[in-house]
PDB file of N, CA and C in Angstrom:
ATOM      1  N   MET A   1      82.743  42.969 -49.295  1.00  0.00           N
ATOM      2  CA  MET A   1      81.765  42.422 -50.277  1.00  0.00           C
ATOM      3  C   MET A   1      82.086  42.493 -51.776  1.00  0.00           C
ATOM      4  N   LYS A   2      81.832  41.500 -52.401  1.00  0.00           N
ATOM      5  CA  LYS A   2      82.197  41.344 -53.938  1.00  0.00           C
ATOM      6  C   LYS A   2      81.213  42.146 -54.578  1.00  0.00           C
ATOM      7  N   THR A   3      81.746  42.743 -55.599  1.00  0.00           N
ATOM      8  CA  THR A   3      80.967  43.640 -56.470  1.00  0.00           C
ATOM      9  C   THR A   3      80.552  42.868 -57.677  1.00  0.00           C
ATOM     10  N   VAL A   4      79.461  42.921 -58.471  1.00  0.00           N
ATOM     11  CA  VAL A   4      78.999  42.378 -59.684  1.00  0.00           C
ATOM     12  C   VAL A   4      80.178  42.536 -60.652  1.00  0.00           C
ATOM     13  N   SER A   5      80.933  43.627 -60.711  1.00  0.00           N
ATOM     14  CA  SER A   5      82.136  43.442 -61.801  1.00  0.00           C
ATOM     15  C   SER A   5      83.354  42.364 -61.493  1.00  0.00           C
ATOM     16  N   GLY A   6      83.423  42.244 -60.112  1.00  0.00           N
ATOM     17  CA  GLY A   6      84.407  41.422 -59.496  1.00  0.00           C
ATOM     18  C   GLY A   6      84.236  40.028 -59.868  1.00  0.00           C
ATOM     19  N   VAL A   7      82.688  39.851 -59.697  1.00  0.00           N
ATOM     20  CA  VAL A   7      82.462  38.549 -60.046  1.00  0.00           C
ATOM     21  C   VAL A   7      82.409  38.116 -61.619  1.00  0.00           C
ATOM     22  N   ALA A   8      82.282  39.253 -62.318  1.00  0.00           N
ATOM     23  CA  ALA A   8      82.287  38.798 -63.746  1.00  0.00           C
ATOM     24  C   ALA A   8      83.930  38.836 -64.103  1.00  0.00           C
ATOM     25  N   THR A   9      84.769  39.446 -63.589  1.00  0.00           N
ATOM     26  CA  THR A   9      86.334  39.203 -63.839  1.00  0.00           C
ATOM     27  C   THR A   9      86.607  38.048 -63.294  1.00  0.00           C
ATOM     28  N   ALA A  10      86.122  37.419 -62.269  1.00  0.00           N
ATOM     29  CA  ALA A  10      86.558  36.171 -61.705  1.00  0.00           C
ATOM     30  C   ALA A  10      85.920  35.146 -62.700  1.00  0.00           C
ATOM     31  N   GLU A  11      84.730  35.259 -63.283  1.00  0.00           N
ATOM     32  CA  GLU A  11      84.189  34.338 -64.136  1.00  0.00           C
ATOM     33  C   GLU A  11      84.955  34.405 -65.452  1.00  0.00           C
ATOM     34  N   ARG A  12      85.230  35.566 -65.930  1.00  0.00           N
ATOM     35  CA  ARG A  12      86.129  35.530 -67.062  1.00  0.00           C
ATOM     36  C   ARG A  12      87.666  34.801 -67.280  1.00  0.00           C
ATOM     37  N   TYR A  13      88.131  35.219 -65.779  1.00  0.00           N
ATOM     38  CA  TYR A  13      89.595  34.576 -65.729  1.00  0.00           C
ATOM     39  C   TYR A  13      89.336  32.947 -65.506  1.00  0.00           C
ATOM     40  N   LEU A  14      88.264  32.535 -64.959  1.00  0.00           N
ATOM     41  CA  LEU A  14      87.980  30.900 -64.837  1.00  0.00           C
ATOM     42  C   LEU A  14      87.905  30.470 -66.378  1.00  0.00           C
ATOM     43  N   ALA A  15      86.878  31.119 -67.098  1.00  0.00           N
ATOM     44  CA  ALA A  15      86.851  30.525 -68.610  1.00  0.00           C
ATOM     45  C   ALA A  15      88.169  30.649 -69.177  1.00  0.00           C
ATOM     46  N   ASP A  16      88.927  31.640 -69.052  1.00  0.00           N
ATOM     47  CA  ASP A  16      90.172  31.686 -69.855  1.00  0.00           C
ATOM     48  C   ASP A  16      91.136  30.704 -69.181  1.00  0.00           C
ATOM     49  N   LEU A  17      91.225  30.316 -68.111  1.00  0.00           N
ATOM     50  CA  LEU A  17      92.104  29.356 -67.417  1.00  0.00           C
ATOM     51  C   LEU A  17      91.454  27.984 -68.135  1.00  0.00           C
ATOM     52  N   ARG A  18      90.086  27.773 -67.893  1.00  0.00           N
ATOM     53  CA  ARG A  18      89.719  26.507 -68.369  1.00  0.00           C
ATOM     54  C   ARG A  18      89.931  26.142 -69.828  1.00  0.00           C
ATOM     55  N   SER A  19      89.873  27.203 -70.766  1.00  0.00           N
ATOM     56  CA  SER A  19      90.298  27.341 -72.071  1.00  0.00           C
ATOM     57  C   SER A  19      91.709  26.809 -72.172  1.00  0.00           C
ATOM     58  N   HIS A  20      92.604  27.449 -71.380  1.00  0.00           N
ATOM     59  CA  HIS A  20      94.103  26.987 -71.389  1.00  0.00           C
ATOM     60  C   HIS A  20      94.280  25.644 -70.875  1.00  0.00           C
ATOM     61  N   LEU A  21      93.349  25.162 -69.819  1.00  0.00           N
ATOM     62  CA  LEU A  21      93.639  23.777 -69.486  1.00  0.00           C
ATOM     63  C   LEU A  21      93.265  22.801 -70.725  1.00  0.00           C
ATOM     64  N   GLU A  22      92.270  23.181 -71.167  1.00  0.00           N
ATOM     65  CA  GLU A  22      91.614  22.300 -72.363  1.00  0.00           C
ATOM     66  C   GLU A  22      92.657  22.309 -73.535  1.00  0.00           C
ATOM     67  N   SER A  23      93.206  23.323 -73.862  1.00  0.00           N
ATOM     68  CA  SER A  23      94.354  23.453 -74.719  1.00  0.00           C
ATOM     69  C   SER A  23      95.658  22.495 -74.408  1.00  0.00           C
ATOM     70  N   ILE A  24      95.837  22.546 -73.398  1.00  0.00           N
ATOM     71  CA  ILE A  24      97.183  21.591 -72.650  1.00  0.00           C
ATOM     72  C   ILE A  24      96.709  20.226 -72.693  1.00  0.00           C
ATOM     73  N   ALA A  25      95.429  19.980 -72.607  1.00  0.00           N
ATOM     74  CA  ALA A  25      94.920  18.545 -72.734  1.00  0.00           C
ATOM     75  C   ALA A  25      95.043  17.942 -74.309  1.00  0.00           C
ATOM     76  N   ARG A  26      94.625  18.903 -75.057  1.00  0.00           N
ATOM     77  CA  ARG A  26      94.754  18.728 -76.535  1.00  0.00           C
ATOM     78  C   ARG A  26      96.100  18.532 -77.133  1.00  0.00           C
ATOM     79  N   LEU A  27      97.040  19.372 -76.579  1.00  0.00           N
ATOM     80  CA  LEU A  27      98.563  19.555 -77.197  1.00  0.00           C
ATOM     81  C   LEU A  27      99.491  19.274 -76.043  1.00  0.00           C
ATOM     82  N   GLY A  28      99.176  18.289 -75.178  1.00  0.00           N
ATOM     83  CA  GLY A  28     100.129  17.757 -74.074  1.00  0.00           C
ATOM     84  C   GLY A  28     101.444  18.167 -74.038  1.00  0.00           C
ATOM     85  N   HIS A  29     101.958  17.822 -75.283  1.00  0.00           N
ATOM     86  CA  HIS A  29     103.439  17.979 -75.620  1.00  0.00           C
ATOM     87  C   HIS A  29     104.107  19.296 -75.368  1.00  0.00           C
ATOM     88  N   SER A  30     103.029  20.409 -75.342  1.00  0.00           N
ATOM     89  CA  SER A  30     103.656  21.665 -75.157  1.00  0.00           C
ATOM     90  C   SER A  30     103.956  21.864 -73.672  1.00  0.00           C
ATOM     91  N   GLY A  31     104.571  23.046 -73.342  1.00  0.00           N
ATOM     92  CA  GLY A  31     104.813  23.320 -72.052  1.00  0.00           C
ATOM     93  C   GLY A  31     106.531  23.067 -71.682  1.00  0.00           C
ATOM     94  N   VAL A  32     106.950  23.658 -70.890  1.00  0.00           N
ATOM     95  CA  VAL A  32     108.476  23.680 -70.608  1.00  0.00           C
ATOM     96  C   VAL A  32     108.685  22.258 -69.620  1.00  0.00           C
ATOM     97  N   PRO A  33     109.585  21.525 -69.866  1.00  0.00           N
ATOM     98  CA  PRO A  33     109.951  20.360 -69.149  1.00  0.00           C
ATOM     99  C   PRO A  33     110.584  20.888 -67.577  1.00  0.00           C
ATOM    100  N   ARG A  34     110.049  20.335 -66.668  1.00  0.00           N
ATOM    101  CA  ARG A  34     110.336  20.638 -65.161  1.00  0.00           C
ATOM    102  C   ARG A  34     110.851  19.463 -64.386  1.00  0.00           C
ATOM    103  N   ASN A  35     111.694  18.705 -65.215  1.00  0.00           N
ATOM    104  CA  ASN A  35     112.237  17.337 -64.531  1.00  0.00           C
ATOM    105  C   ASN A  35     112.834  17.662 -63.358  1.00  0.00           C
ATOM    106  N   GLU A  36     113.549  18.794 -63.109  1.00  0.00           N
ATOM    107  CA  GLU A  36     114.440  19.046 -62.015  1.00  0.00           C
ATOM    108  C   GLU A  36     113.466  18.992 -60.740  1.00  0.00           C
ATOM    109  N   ILE A  37     112.054  19.381 -60.888  1.00  0.00           N
ATOM    110  CA  ILE A  37     111.278  19.330 -59.856  1.00  0.00           C
ATOM    111  C   ILE A  37     110.773  17.844 -59.533  1.00  0.00           C
ATOM    112  N   ASN A  38     110.243  17.283 -60.718  1.00  0.00           N
ATOM    113  CA  ASN A  38     109.797  15.954 -60.459  1.00  0.00           C
ATOM    114  C   ASN A  38     109.700  15.510 -62.001  1.00  0.00           C
ATOM    115  N   PRO A  39     110.385  14.134 -62.194  1.00  0.00           N
ATOM    116  CA  PRO A  39     110.369  13.692 -63.639  1.00  0.00           C
ATOM    117  C   PRO A  39     109.165  13.556 -64.289  1.00  0.00           C
ATOM    118  N   GLY A  40     109.020  14.023 -65.414  1.00  0.00           N
ATOM    119  CA  GLY A  40     108.045  14.086 -66.421  1.00  0.00           C
ATOM    120  C   GLY A  40     106.970  15.242 -66.072  1.00  0.00           C
ATOM    121  N   LEU A  41     107.189  16.190 -65.105  1.00  0.00           N
ATOM    122  CA  LEU A  41     106.466  17.238 -64.968  1.00  0.00           C
ATOM    123  C   LEU A  41     106.866  18.369 -66.016  1.00  0.00           C
ATOM    124  N   ARG A  42     105.671  19.183 -66.552  1.00  0.00           N
ATOM    125  CA  ARG A  42     105.768  20.290 -67.489  1.00  0.00           C
ATOM    126  C   ARG A  42     105.196  21.336 -66.860  1.00  0.00           C
ATOM    127  N   LEU A  43     105.533  22.608 -67.427  1.00  0.00           N
ATOM    128  CA  LEU A  43     104.877  23.861 -67.018  1.00  0.00           C
ATOM    129  C   LEU A  43     104.308  24.825 -68.228  1.00  0.00           C
ATOM    130  N   ALA A  44     103.152  25.240 -67.897  1.00  0.00           N
ATOM    131  CA  ALA A  44     102.563  26.474 -68.849  1.00  0.00           C
ATOM    132  C   ALA A  44     102.305  27.417 -68.054  1.00  0.00           C
ATOM    133  N   VAL A  45     102.558  28.619 -68.615  1.00  0.00           N
ATOM    134  CA  VAL A  45     102.300  29.800 -67.824  1.00  0.00           C
ATOM    135  C   VAL A  45     100.886  30.352 -68.112  1.00  0.00           C
ATOM    136  N   HIS A  46     100.039  30.996 -67.174  1.00  0.00           N
ATOM    137  CA  HIS A  46      98.650  31.474 -67.470  1.00  0.00           C
ATOM    138  C   HIS A  46      98.737  32.580 -66.662  1.00  0.00           C
ATOM    139  N   GLY A  47      99.119  33.990 -67.220  1.00  0.00           N
ATOM    140  CA  GLY A  47      99.064  35.224 -66.456  1.00  0.00           C
ATOM    141  C   GLY A  47     100.074  34.897 -65.333  1.00  0.00           C
ATOM    142  N   ARG A  48      99.567  35.041 -64.053  1.00  0.00           N
ATOM    143  CA  ARG A  48     100.428  35.278 -63.068  1.00  0.00           C
ATOM    144  C   ARG A  48     100.514  33.867 -62.301  1.00  0.00           C
ATOM    145  N   TYR A  49     100.013  32.819 -63.086  1.00  0.00           N
ATOM    146  CA  TYR A  49      99.826  31.480 -62.525  1.00  0.00           C
ATOM    147  C   TYR A  49     100.553  30.660 -63.301  1.00  0.00           C
ATOM    148  N   ASN A  50     101.139  29.561 -62.735  1.00  0.00           N
ATOM    149  CA  ASN A  50     101.891  28.332 -63.415  1.00  0.00           C
ATOM    150  C   ASN A  50     101.047  27.296 -63.338  1.00  0.00           C
ATOM    151  N   ILE A  51     100.794  26.425 -64.481  1.00  0.00           N
ATOM    152  CA  ILE A  51     100.198  25.245 -64.532  1.00  0.00           C
ATOM    153  C   ILE A  51     100.951  24.284 -64.674  1.00  0.00           C
ATOM    154  N   TYR A  52     101.130  23.127 -63.583  1.00  0.00           N
ATOM    155  CA  TYR A  52     102.253  22.020 -63.734  1.00  0.00           C
ATOM    156  C   TYR A  52     101.288  20.817 -64.046  1.00  0.00           C
ATOM    157  N   PHE A  53     101.884  20.164 -65.098  1.00  0.00           N
ATOM    158  CA  PHE A  53     101.137  18.850 -65.718  1.00  0.00           C
ATOM    159  C   PHE A  53     101.959  17.803 -66.144  1.00  0.00           C
ATOM    160  N   ARG A  54     101.333  16.731 -66.324  1.00  0.00           N
ATOM    161  CA  ARG A  54     102.235  15.654 -66.788  1.00  0.00           C
ATOM    162  C   ARG A  54     101.308  14.992 -68.091  1.00  0.00           C
ATOM    163  N   VAL A  55     102.155  14.460 -68.947  1.00  0.00           N
ATOM    164  CA  VAL A  55     101.488  13.818 -70.081  1.00  0.00           C
ATOM    165  C   VAL A  55     101.774  12.357 -70.129  1.00  0.00           C
ATOM    166  N   THR A  56     100.986  11.546 -70.415  1.00  0.00           N
ATOM    167  CA  THR A  56     101.334  10.175 -70.789  1.00  0.00           C
ATOM    168  C   THR A  56     100.595   9.792 -72.131  1.00  0.00           C
ATOM    169  N   PRO A  57     101.108   8.343 -72.694  1.00  0.00           N
ATOM    170  CA  PRO A  57     100.301   8.074 -73.854  1.00  0.00           C
ATOM    171  C   PRO A  57      98.596   8.263 -74.001  1.00  0.00           C
ATOM    172  N   THR A  58      98.204   8.215 -72.657  1.00  0.00           N
ATOM    173  CA  THR A  58      96.837   7.992 -72.793  1.00  0.00           C
ATOM    174  C   THR A  58      95.983   9.451 -72.209  1.00  0.00           C
ATOM    175  N   LYS A  59      96.711  10.150 -71.278  1.00  0.00           N
ATOM    176  CA  LYS A  59      96.068  11.315 -70.677  1.00  0.00           C
ATOM    177  C   LYS A  59      96.938  12.233 -70.453  1.00  0.00           C
ATOM    178  N   THR A  60      96.506  13.511 -70.214  1.00  0.00           N
ATOM    179  CA  THR A  60      97.165  14.738 -69.630  1.00  0.00           C
ATOM    180  C   THR A  60      96.591  15.093 -68.157  1.00  0.00           C
ATOM    181  N   THR A  61      97.563  14.991 -67.322  1.00  0.00           N
ATOM    182  CA  THR A  61      96.947  15.399 -65.857  1.00  0.00           C
ATOM    183  C   THR A  61      97.415  16.592 -65.250  1.00  0.00           C
ATOM    184  N   ILE A  62      96.592  17.527 -65.005  1.00  0.00           N
ATOM    185  CA  ILE A  62      97.052  18.757 -64.249  1.00  0.00           C
ATOM    186  C   ILE A  62      97.452  18.326 -62.804  1.00  0.00           C
ATOM    187  N   ALA A  63      98.539  18.557 -62.513  1.00  0.00           N
ATOM    188  CA  ALA A  63      99.164  18.667 -61.091  1.00  0.00           C
ATOM    189  C   ALA A  63      98.792  19.708 -60.135  1.00  0.00           C
ATOM    190  N   ARG A  64      99.062  20.705 -60.617  1.00  0.00           N
ATOM    191  CA  ARG A  64      98.719  21.909 -59.796  1.00  0.00           C
ATOM    192  C   ARG A  64      98.700  23.165 -60.362  1.00  0.00           C
ATOM    193  N   VAL A  65      97.793  24.354 -60.017  1.00  0.00           N
ATOM    194  CA  VAL A  65      98.042  25.402 -60.612  1.00  0.00           C
ATOM    195  C   VAL A  65      98.205  26.382 -59.676  1.00  0.00           C
ATOM    196  N   LEU A  66      99.468  27.324 -59.583  1.00  0.00           N
ATOM    197  CA  LEU A  66     100.020  27.888 -58.613  1.00  0.00           C
ATOM    198  C   LEU A  66     100.541  29.351 -58.989  1.00  0.00           C
ATOM    199  N   HIS A  67     100.356  30.166 -57.894  1.00  0.00           N
ATOM    200  CA  HIS A  67     100.748  31.483 -58.357  1.00  0.00           C
ATOM    201  C   HIS A  67     102.338  31.458 -58.418  1.00  0.00           C
ATOM    202  N   SER A  68     102.816  32.221 -59.548  1.00  0.00           N
ATOM    203  CA  SER A  68     104.256  32.248 -59.930  1.00  0.00           C
ATOM    204  C   SER A  68     105.286  32.473 -58.799  1.00  0.00           C
ATOM    205  N   ALA A  69     104.645  33.279 -57.736  1.00  0.00           N
ATOM    206  CA  ALA A  69     105.574  33.676 -56.608  1.00  0.00           C
ATOM    207  C   ALA A  69     105.902  32.615 -55.778  1.00  0.00           C
ATOM    208  N   ARG A  70     105.008  31.517 -55.772  1.00  0.00           N
ATOM    209  CA  ARG A  70     105.295  30.244 -54.967  1.00  0.00           C
ATOM    210  C   ARG A  70     106.441  29.515 -55.053  1.00  0.00           C
ATOM    211  N   ASP A  71     107.330  29.111 -54.089  1.00  0.00           N
ATOM    212  CA  ASP A  71     108.447  28.397 -53.867  1.00  0.00           C
ATOM    213  C   ASP A  71     108.017  26.820 -54.197  1.00  0.00           C
ATOM    214  N   VAL A  72     108.045  26.357 -55.416  1.00  0.00           N
ATOM    215  CA  VAL A  72     107.630  25.149 -55.885  1.00  0.00           C
ATOM    216  C   VAL A  72     108.668  24.031 -55.241  1.00  0.00           C
ATOM    217  N   ARG A  73     109.876  24.447 -54.989  1.00  0.00           N
ATOM    218  CA  ARG A  73     110.890  23.330 -54.385  1.00  0.00           C
ATOM    219  C   ARG A  73     110.360  22.691 -52.914  1.00  0.00           C
ATOM    220  N   ARG A  74     109.338  23.425 -52.409  1.00  0.00           N
ATOM    221  CA  ARG A  74     108.917  22.769 -51.057  1.00  0.00           C
ATOM    222  C   ARG A  74     107.589  22.160 -51.167  1.00  0.00           C
ATOM    223  N   LEU A  75     107.041  21.891 -52.487  1.00  0.00           N
ATOM    224  CA  LEU A  75     105.847  21.142 -52.794  1.00  0.00           C
ATOM    225  C   LEU A  75     106.088  19.864 -53.440  1.00  0.00           C
ATOM    226  N   SER A  76     105.055  18.993 -53.074  1.00  0.00           N
ATOM    227  CA  SER A  76     105.120  17.777 -53.612  1.00  0.00           C
ATOM    228  C   SER A  76     104.322  17.826 -54.999  1.00  0.00           C
ATOM    229  N   PHE A  77     104.853  17.034 -55.900  1.00  0.00           N
ATOM    230  CA  PHE A  77     104.087  17.101 -57.292  1.00  0.00           C
ATOM    231  C   PHE A  77     104.050  15.644 -57.685  1.00  0.00           C
ATOM    232  N   HIS A  78     104.086  14.577 -56.532  1.00  0.00           N
ATOM    233  CA  HIS A  78     103.667  13.229 -56.882  1.00  0.00           C
ATOM    234  C   HIS A  78     102.045  13.109 -57.217  1.00  0.00           C
ATOM    235  N   GLU A  79     101.822  12.080 -57.741  1.00  0.00           N
ATOM    236  CA  GLU A  79     100.438  11.829 -58.194  1.00  0.00           C
ATOM    237  C   GLU A  79      99.385  11.878 -57.169  1.00  0.00           C
ATOM    238  N   ASP A  80      98.534  12.716 -57.337  1.00  0.00           N
ATOM    239  CA  ASP A  80      97.396  13.058 -56.123  1.00  0.00           C
ATOM    240  C   ASP A  80      96.330  12.049 -56.151  1.00  0.00           C
ATOM    241  N   PRO A  81      96.044  11.243 -55.048  1.00  0.00           N
ATOM    242  CA  PRO A  81      95.135  10.395 -55.141  1.00  0.00           C
ATOM    243  C   PRO A  81      93.543  10.919 -55.102  1.00  0.00           C
ATOM    244  N   ALA A  82      93.619  12.111 -55.053  1.00  0.00           N
ATOM    245  CA  ALA A  82      92.137  12.855 -54.775  1.00  0.00           C
ATOM    246  C   ALA A  82      91.367  12.659 -56.280  1.00  0.00           C
ATOM    247  N   PRO A  83      90.072  12.693 -56.182  1.00  0.00           N
ATOM    248  CA  PRO A  83      89.262  12.642 -57.435  1.00  0.00           C
ATOM    249  C   PRO A  83      89.426  13.940 -58.106  1.00  0.00           C
ATOM    250  N   PRO A  84      89.254  13.948 -59.404  1.00  0.00           N
ATOM    251  CA  PRO A  84      89.206  15.083 -60.200  1.00  0.00           C
ATOM    252  C   PRO A  84      87.977  15.865 -59.941  1.00  0.00           C
ATOM    253  N   LEU A  85      88.152  17.130 -60.180  1.00  0.00           N
ATOM    254  CA  LEU A  85      87.016  18.005 -60.139  1.00  0.00           C
ATOM    255  C   LEU A  85      85.970  17.822 -61.049  1.00  0.00           C
ATOM    256  N   ALA A  86      84.917  18.151 -60.942  1.00  0.00           N
ATOM    257  CA  ALA A  86      83.823  17.995 -61.976  1.00  0.00           C
ATOM    258  C   ALA A  86      84.064  19.039 -62.836  1.00  0.00           C
ATOM    259  N   PRO A  87      83.742  18.954 -64.043  1.00  0.00           N
ATOM    260  CA  PRO A  87      84.019  20.204 -65.006  1.00  0.00           C
ATOM    261  C   PRO A  87      83.282  21.172 -64.475  1.00  0.00           C
ATOM    262  N   ALA A  88      82.079  21.351 -64.041  1.00  0.00           N
ATOM    263  CA  ALA A  88      81.330  22.673 -63.508  1.00  0.00           C
ATOM    264  C   ALA A  88      82.198  23.356 -62.642  1.00  0.00           C
ATOM    265  N   SER A  89      83.096  22.601 -61.882  1.00  0.00           N
ATOM    266  CA  SER A  89      83.686  23.289 -60.717  1.00  0.00           C
ATOM    267  C   SER A  89      84.794  24.019 -61.036  1.00  0.00           C
ATOM    268  N   LEU A  90      85.395  23.860 -62.235  1.00  0.00           N
ATOM    269  CA  LEU A  90      86.627  24.764 -62.415  1.00  0.00           C
ATOM    270  C   LEU A  90      86.096  26.244 -62.848  1.00  0.00           C
TER     271      LEU A  90
END
């Protein structure tokens, strides 16, 4: 069973993650290039999670948010045709 403090902790973490994602959107050129995984892919670290994203002249696209222990060599980082999450869903 989840505790009230556990829910509050999760909500704070999601707010921090959202802030970091918004920062990436504003400053898309930041992050470490990860062209060896997929051309144009960049990486930003958020705690124990890695945020993989791409930057074009018109938009910044978050490809994946993964735990840093994941083996990313086995994952696909091609454009995902799935619709984006609604802002309230993050």
